[in-house]
Amino acid sequence: MTNEGGSTGLVDVRALLLRTDWNAVEHCCPNVAPMTPVILRQLFDDDPRVRGTAVRELSDAVTHQGTFYSATAPAALFVAAVLGDPRTRAGVTRQRPWEIELHGERLSSLRVLLLDWLGDTAQNTDHPPEWPPGAQEDIDGFLAIRPALYDAVHPFLGDGEQEVRDAALYAILPLLTDSTLTQHLPGLTNAVHQLAARDTPYSGYAIDRLAAWGQDTSHNPEPQQPDPNRFAGPHAQYGVHGDHDRWAGHVEPWPDSVYDALP
């Protein structure tokens, strides 16, 4: 095992962001949330509170309520590309100040939170036909990058931290529905059984996957019940407050001035 999984050192965030024409894609709500490249850049802000907010905004805007947008696939590729950066080992929280005051602060490494976001997003494609929401071309765009996401996440199955290894396996499981990745399923089955047997936020999904593969899960313990305040893990709880959802989908512009602000 290695502590850095697939790490190759610090990532050039600016160069990585400039590979995508962010003017050509959208997330749910540019009039409410920061633009996608700003969210991604803020994952590496010096302020841990800003980094945690950026993780939250990935879910709130780029995959709002499980919806796929044209910005979702390029954002996922960015997240996958930065997983090995040693800065992602820092502890952050995606909780809002009032949530910390009410429930106490819950810290996770940025790496775990990013793996959780990838796993949540990939899992949203593994549902009945009426789900996930979003334009079919945006859903297909994400489905097409599953092999690339697998290649980026797989090294972290050997990370030195158990929490990272668990999050990496969680992120990989929904990717295995890709026909080019099913060959890896037998080699991961034992690890999934181990994940299902332990008391983790991922055990329920691990049991679900084992059952889908025809494995015996009768000996597994009852999985954890969803925690309505689990802001630092998979299956984050989303809620719409009021009579309507103010996060409406619009084209997301990226003015030239944003380039100047990149680190």
Protein backbone atom coordinates (compact mmCIF):
# COMPACT_ATOMS: atom_id res chain seq x y z
CA MET A 1 0.00 0.00 0.00
CA THR A 2 0.97 3.62 -0.45
CA ASN A 3 -0.21 6.66 1.39
CA GLU A 4 -0.77 8.55 -1.81
CA GLY A 5 -2.53 5.94 -3.92
CA GLY A 6 -1.93 7.17 -7.45
CA SER A 7 -0.42 10.49 -6.45
CA THR A 8 2.12 12.15 -8.71
CA GLY A 9 2.44 15.39 -6.73
CA LEU A 10 0.84 18.81 -6.93
CA VAL A 11 -1.59 19.34 -9.78
CA ASP A 12 -1.41 22.40 -12.03
CA VAL A 13 -4.99 23.47 -11.37
CA ARG A 14 -4.97 26.27 -13.90
CA ALA A 15 -3.68 24.09 -16.74
CA LEU A 16 -6.18 21.38 -15.91
CA LEU A 17 -9.10 23.81 -15.91
CA LEU A 18 -8.06 25.34 -19.21
CA ARG A 19 -8.53 21.99 -20.96
CA THR A 20 -12.31 22.58 -20.90
CA ASP A 21 -14.31 25.32 -22.59
CA TRP A 22 -16.52 26.13 -19.63
CA ASN A 23 -18.49 28.64 -21.71
CA ALA A 24 -19.87 25.69 -23.68
CA VAL A 25 -21.33 23.86 -20.66
CA GLU A 26 -23.78 24.58 -17.87
CA HIS A 27 -24.64 23.63 -14.33
CA CYS A 28 -28.00 24.17 -12.67
CA CYS A 29 -27.92 27.76 -11.54
CA PRO A 30 -25.30 30.35 -12.47
CA ASN A 31 -27.33 33.12 -10.88
CA VAL A 32 -27.06 31.43 -7.47
CA ALA A 33 -23.95 29.28 -7.41
CA PRO A 34 -20.42 30.11 -8.54
CA MET A 35 -19.42 29.02 -12.02
CA THR A 36 -18.14 25.45 -12.30
CA PRO A 37 -14.45 26.38 -12.83
CA VAL A 38 -14.62 28.68 -9.82
CA ILE A 39 -16.03 25.85 -7.68
CA LEU A 40 -13.29 23.51 -8.88
CA ARG A 41 -10.54 26.07 -8.33
CA GLN A 42 -11.80 26.71 -4.79
CA LEU A 43 -11.22 23.06 -3.92
CA PHE A 44 -7.59 24.19 -3.55
CA ASP A 45 -8.20 27.47 -1.76
CA ASP A 46 -5.96 28.26 1.21
CA ASP A 47 -9.01 28.53 3.47
CA PRO A 48 -10.36 25.07 4.49
CA ARG A 49 -13.83 26.58 4.87
CA VAL A 50 -13.77 27.62 1.22
CA ARG A 51 -12.63 24.13 0.20
CA GLY A 52 -15.47 22.57 2.14
CA THR A 53 -17.99 24.94 0.61
CA ALA A 54 -16.68 24.04 -2.85
CA VAL A 55 -17.33 20.35 -2.16
CA ARG A 56 -20.86 21.19 -1.10
CA GLU A 57 -21.39 23.29 -4.22
CA LEU A 58 -20.36 20.37 -6.42
CA SER A 59 -23.48 18.61 -5.19
CA ASP A 60 -25.66 21.72 -4.95
CA ALA A 61 -24.96 22.97 -8.47
CA VAL A 62 -23.04 20.55 -10.69
CA THR A 63 -25.21 17.54 -9.77
CA HIS A 64 -28.16 19.30 -8.14
CA GLN A 65 -30.62 16.74 -6.77
CA GLY A 66 -28.97 14.01 -8.84
CA THR A 67 -29.37 15.87 -12.13
CA PHE A 68 -26.80 15.61 -14.89
CA TYR A 69 -25.74 18.78 -16.69
CA SER A 70 -23.27 19.40 -19.48
CA ALA A 71 -20.79 20.55 -16.81
CA THR A 72 -21.09 17.30 -14.84
CA ALA A 73 -18.78 15.10 -16.94
CA PRO A 74 -15.92 17.63 -17.28
CA ALA A 75 -16.17 18.45 -13.58
CA ALA A 76 -15.95 14.73 -12.75
CA LEU A 77 -12.87 14.37 -14.95
CA PHE A 78 -11.26 17.29 -13.13
CA VAL A 79 -12.06 15.78 -9.72
CA ALA A 80 -10.68 12.41 -10.81
CA ALA A 81 -7.49 14.06 -12.06
CA VAL A 82 -6.76 15.84 -8.76
CA LEU A 83 -7.40 12.92 -6.39
CA GLY A 84 -3.69 12.19 -6.04
CA ASP A 85 -2.70 15.75 -5.21
CA PRO A 86 -1.36 15.66 -1.62
CA ARG A 87 -3.45 18.72 -0.79
CA THR A 88 -6.55 16.51 -0.98
CA ARG A 89 -5.45 14.81 2.24
CA ALA A 90 -6.41 17.93 4.22
CA GLY A 91 -9.40 17.68 6.55
CA VAL A 92 -12.43 19.78 5.59
CA THR A 93 -16.14 19.83 6.27
CA ARG A 94 -18.97 20.51 3.86
CA GLN A 95 -21.24 21.61 6.71
CA ARG A 96 -22.66 25.08 6.94
CA PRO A 97 -21.92 27.10 10.12
CA TRP A 98 -25.41 26.53 11.53
CA GLU A 99 -25.10 22.80 10.91
CA ILE A 100 -21.81 22.72 12.80
CA GLU A 101 -23.42 24.64 15.66
CA LEU A 102 -26.36 22.24 15.86
CA HIS A 103 -24.62 18.92 15.24
CA GLY A 104 -20.91 19.45 15.77
CA GLU A 105 -18.23 19.60 13.12
CA ARG A 106 -17.50 16.49 11.07
CA LEU A 107 -14.20 16.49 9.26
CA SER A 108 -13.18 14.21 6.42
CA SER A 109 -10.24 14.40 4.09
CA LEU A 110 -10.94 16.30 0.91
CA ARG A 111 -9.92 13.15 -0.96
CA VAL A 112 -12.68 11.13 0.70
CA LEU A 113 -15.27 13.82 0.03
CA LEU A 114 -14.31 13.98 -3.64
CA LEU A 115 -14.45 10.19 -3.95
CA ASP A 116 -17.86 10.28 -2.29
CA TRP A 117 -19.06 12.85 -4.82
CA LEU A 118 -17.83 10.73 -7.71
CA GLY A 119 -19.51 7.66 -6.21
CA ASP A 120 -22.78 9.48 -5.62
CA THR A 121 -22.77 10.84 -9.16
CA ALA A 122 -21.95 7.50 -10.77
CA GLN A 123 -24.56 5.76 -8.65
CA ASN A 124 -27.22 8.14 -9.97
CA THR A 125 -26.88 6.47 -13.38
CA ASP A 126 -27.77 3.06 -11.92
CA HIS A 127 -31.52 3.54 -11.56
CA PRO A 128 -34.77 2.83 -13.45
CA PRO A 129 -35.31 4.57 -16.81
CA GLU A 130 -37.03 7.62 -15.33
CA TRP A 131 -33.87 8.37 -13.36
CA PRO A 132 -31.49 10.17 -13.44
CA PRO A 133 -32.89 13.54 -14.46
CA GLY A 134 -31.10 15.57 -17.07
CA ALA A 135 -30.69 15.75 -20.82
CA GLN A 136 -29.84 12.38 -22.30
CA GLU A 137 -26.74 13.76 -24.00
CA ASP A 138 -25.43 14.94 -20.62
CA ILE A 139 -26.13 11.56 -19.03
CA ASP A 140 -24.43 9.84 -21.97
CA GLY A 141 -21.50 12.20 -21.60
CA PHE A 142 -20.97 11.01 -18.06
CA LEU A 143 -21.48 7.35 -18.95
CA ALA A 144 -18.78 7.67 -21.60
CA ILE A 145 -16.13 8.70 -19.06
CA ARG A 146 -16.68 5.78 -16.66
CA PRO A 147 -13.53 3.93 -17.84
CA ALA A 148 -11.44 7.07 -17.30
CA LEU A 149 -12.92 7.52 -13.82
CA TYR A 150 -12.20 3.88 -13.00
CA ASP A 151 -8.55 4.29 -14.03
CA ALA A 152 -8.21 7.39 -11.85
CA VAL A 153 -9.92 5.94 -8.77
CA HIS A 154 -8.56 2.39 -8.82
CA PRO A 155 -5.09 3.24 -7.39
CA PHE A 156 -6.75 4.48 -4.20
CA LEU A 157 -7.99 0.99 -3.38
CA GLY A 158 -4.42 0.60 -2.11
CA ASP A 159 -4.29 3.85 -0.15
CA GLY A 160 -2.76 3.79 3.32
CA GLU A 161 -5.98 5.14 4.89
CA GLN A 162 -8.91 2.78 5.38
CA GLU A 163 -11.40 5.61 4.92
CA VAL A 164 -9.91 6.43 1.51
CA ARG A 165 -9.90 2.77 0.47
CA ASP A 166 -13.56 2.45 1.42
CA ALA A 167 -14.53 5.64 -0.43
CA ALA A 168 -12.58 4.53 -3.51
CA LEU A 169 -14.38 1.18 -3.59
CA TYR A 170 -17.71 2.96 -3.15
CA ALA A 171 -16.84 5.21 -6.11
CA ILE A 172 -15.84 2.28 -8.29
CA LEU A 173 -18.86 0.04 -7.68
CA PRO A 174 -21.38 1.93 -9.85
CA LEU A 175 -18.77 2.30 -12.61
CA LEU A 176 -18.71 -1.48 -13.06
CA THR A 177 -22.01 -1.37 -14.94
CA ASP A 178 -19.94 -0.20 -17.92
CA SER A 179 -19.52 -3.18 -20.24
CA THR A 180 -15.78 -2.53 -20.57
CA LEU A 181 -15.31 -2.67 -16.80
CA THR A 182 -17.30 -5.77 -15.83
CA GLN A 183 -14.13 -7.85 -16.23
CA HIS A 184 -12.87 -6.29 -12.98
CA LEU A 185 -15.86 -7.45 -10.95
CA PRO A 186 -14.51 -10.88 -9.86
CA GLY A 187 -11.30 -9.34 -8.55
CA LEU A 188 -13.24 -6.89 -6.39
CA THR A 189 -15.90 -9.22 -5.00
CA ASN A 190 -13.99 -10.14 -1.82
CA ALA A 191 -13.30 -6.49 -1.05
CA VAL A 192 -16.99 -5.67 -1.53
CA HIS A 193 -17.95 -8.49 0.86
CA GLN A 194 -15.57 -7.02 3.44
CA LEU A 195 -17.03 -3.55 2.96
CA ALA A 196 -20.56 -4.94 3.32
CA ALA A 197 -19.63 -6.69 6.58
CA ARG A 198 -18.28 -3.59 8.30
CA ASP A 199 -20.23 -0.75 9.89
CA THR A 200 -19.61 2.03 7.37
CA PRO A 201 -21.80 4.48 5.45
CA TYR A 202 -21.07 2.40 2.36
CA SER A 203 -22.20 -1.01 3.63
CA GLY A 204 -25.78 -0.70 2.38
CA TYR A 205 -24.69 0.00 -1.18
CA ALA A 206 -22.10 -2.76 -1.02
CA ILE A 207 -24.81 -5.23 0.02
CA ASP A 208 -27.05 -3.98 -2.78
CA ARG A 209 -24.30 -4.53 -5.36
CA LEU A 210 -23.53 -8.02 -4.06
CA ALA A 211 -27.21 -8.94 -4.30
CA ALA A 212 -27.33 -7.61 -7.86
CA TRP A 213 -24.36 -9.84 -8.70
CA GLY A 214 -26.17 -12.90 -7.31
CA GLN A 215 -24.03 -13.12 -4.17
CA ASP A 216 -25.41 -14.39 -0.86
CA THR A 217 -25.93 -11.43 1.48
CA SER A 218 -28.07 -13.16 4.12
CA HIS A 219 -25.21 -13.12 6.62
CA ASN A 220 -24.60 -9.39 6.33
CA PRO A 221 -25.68 -7.10 9.17
CA GLU A 222 -28.49 -4.62 8.74
CA PRO A 223 -26.95 -1.62 6.94
CA GLN A 224 -26.76 1.79 8.57
CA GLN A 225 -29.86 3.94 8.33
CA PRO A 226 -29.34 7.16 6.37
CA ASP A 227 -28.16 9.99 8.59
CA PRO A 228 -30.07 13.21 7.80
CA ASN A 229 -27.04 15.20 8.98
CA ARG A 230 -24.31 13.20 7.28
CA PHE A 231 -22.89 16.08 5.31
CA ALA A 232 -19.48 14.48 4.83
CA GLY A 233 -20.27 11.26 3.01
CA PRO A 234 -22.19 9.56 0.23
CA HIS A 235 -25.91 9.92 -0.37
CA ALA A 236 -26.04 13.50 0.92
CA GLN A 237 -29.58 14.56 1.73
CA TYR A 238 -30.94 17.22 -0.59
CA GLY A 239 -33.98 19.32 0.18
CA VAL A 240 -35.99 22.00 -1.56
CA HIS A 241 -37.25 24.65 0.82
CA GLY A 242 -40.27 26.79 0.06
CA ASP A 243 -42.76 26.45 -2.75
CA HIS A 244 -40.25 26.08 -5.57
CA ASP A 245 -36.67 25.19 -6.34
CA ARG A 246 -34.66 28.34 -6.96
CA TRP A 247 -31.83 26.36 -8.59
CA ALA A 248 -33.00 26.46 -12.21
CA GLY A 249 -30.84 25.32 -15.13
CA HIS A 250 -29.24 28.05 -17.23
CA VAL A 251 -26.23 28.37 -19.48
CA GLU A 252 -23.18 29.12 -17.40
CA PRO A 253 -20.94 31.86 -18.88
CA TRP A 254 -17.26 32.02 -18.02
CA PRO A 255 -16.00 35.55 -18.77
CA ASP A 256 -12.39 36.01 -19.79
CA SER A 257 -11.68 37.73 -16.46
CA VAL A 258 -12.09 34.42 -14.66
CA TYR A 259 -8.93 33.14 -16.36
CA ASP A 260 -6.95 35.87 -14.65
CA ALA A 261 -8.15 34.71 -11.23
CA LEU A 262 -6.96 31.12 -11.68
CA PRO A 263 -4.06 30.13 -9.39
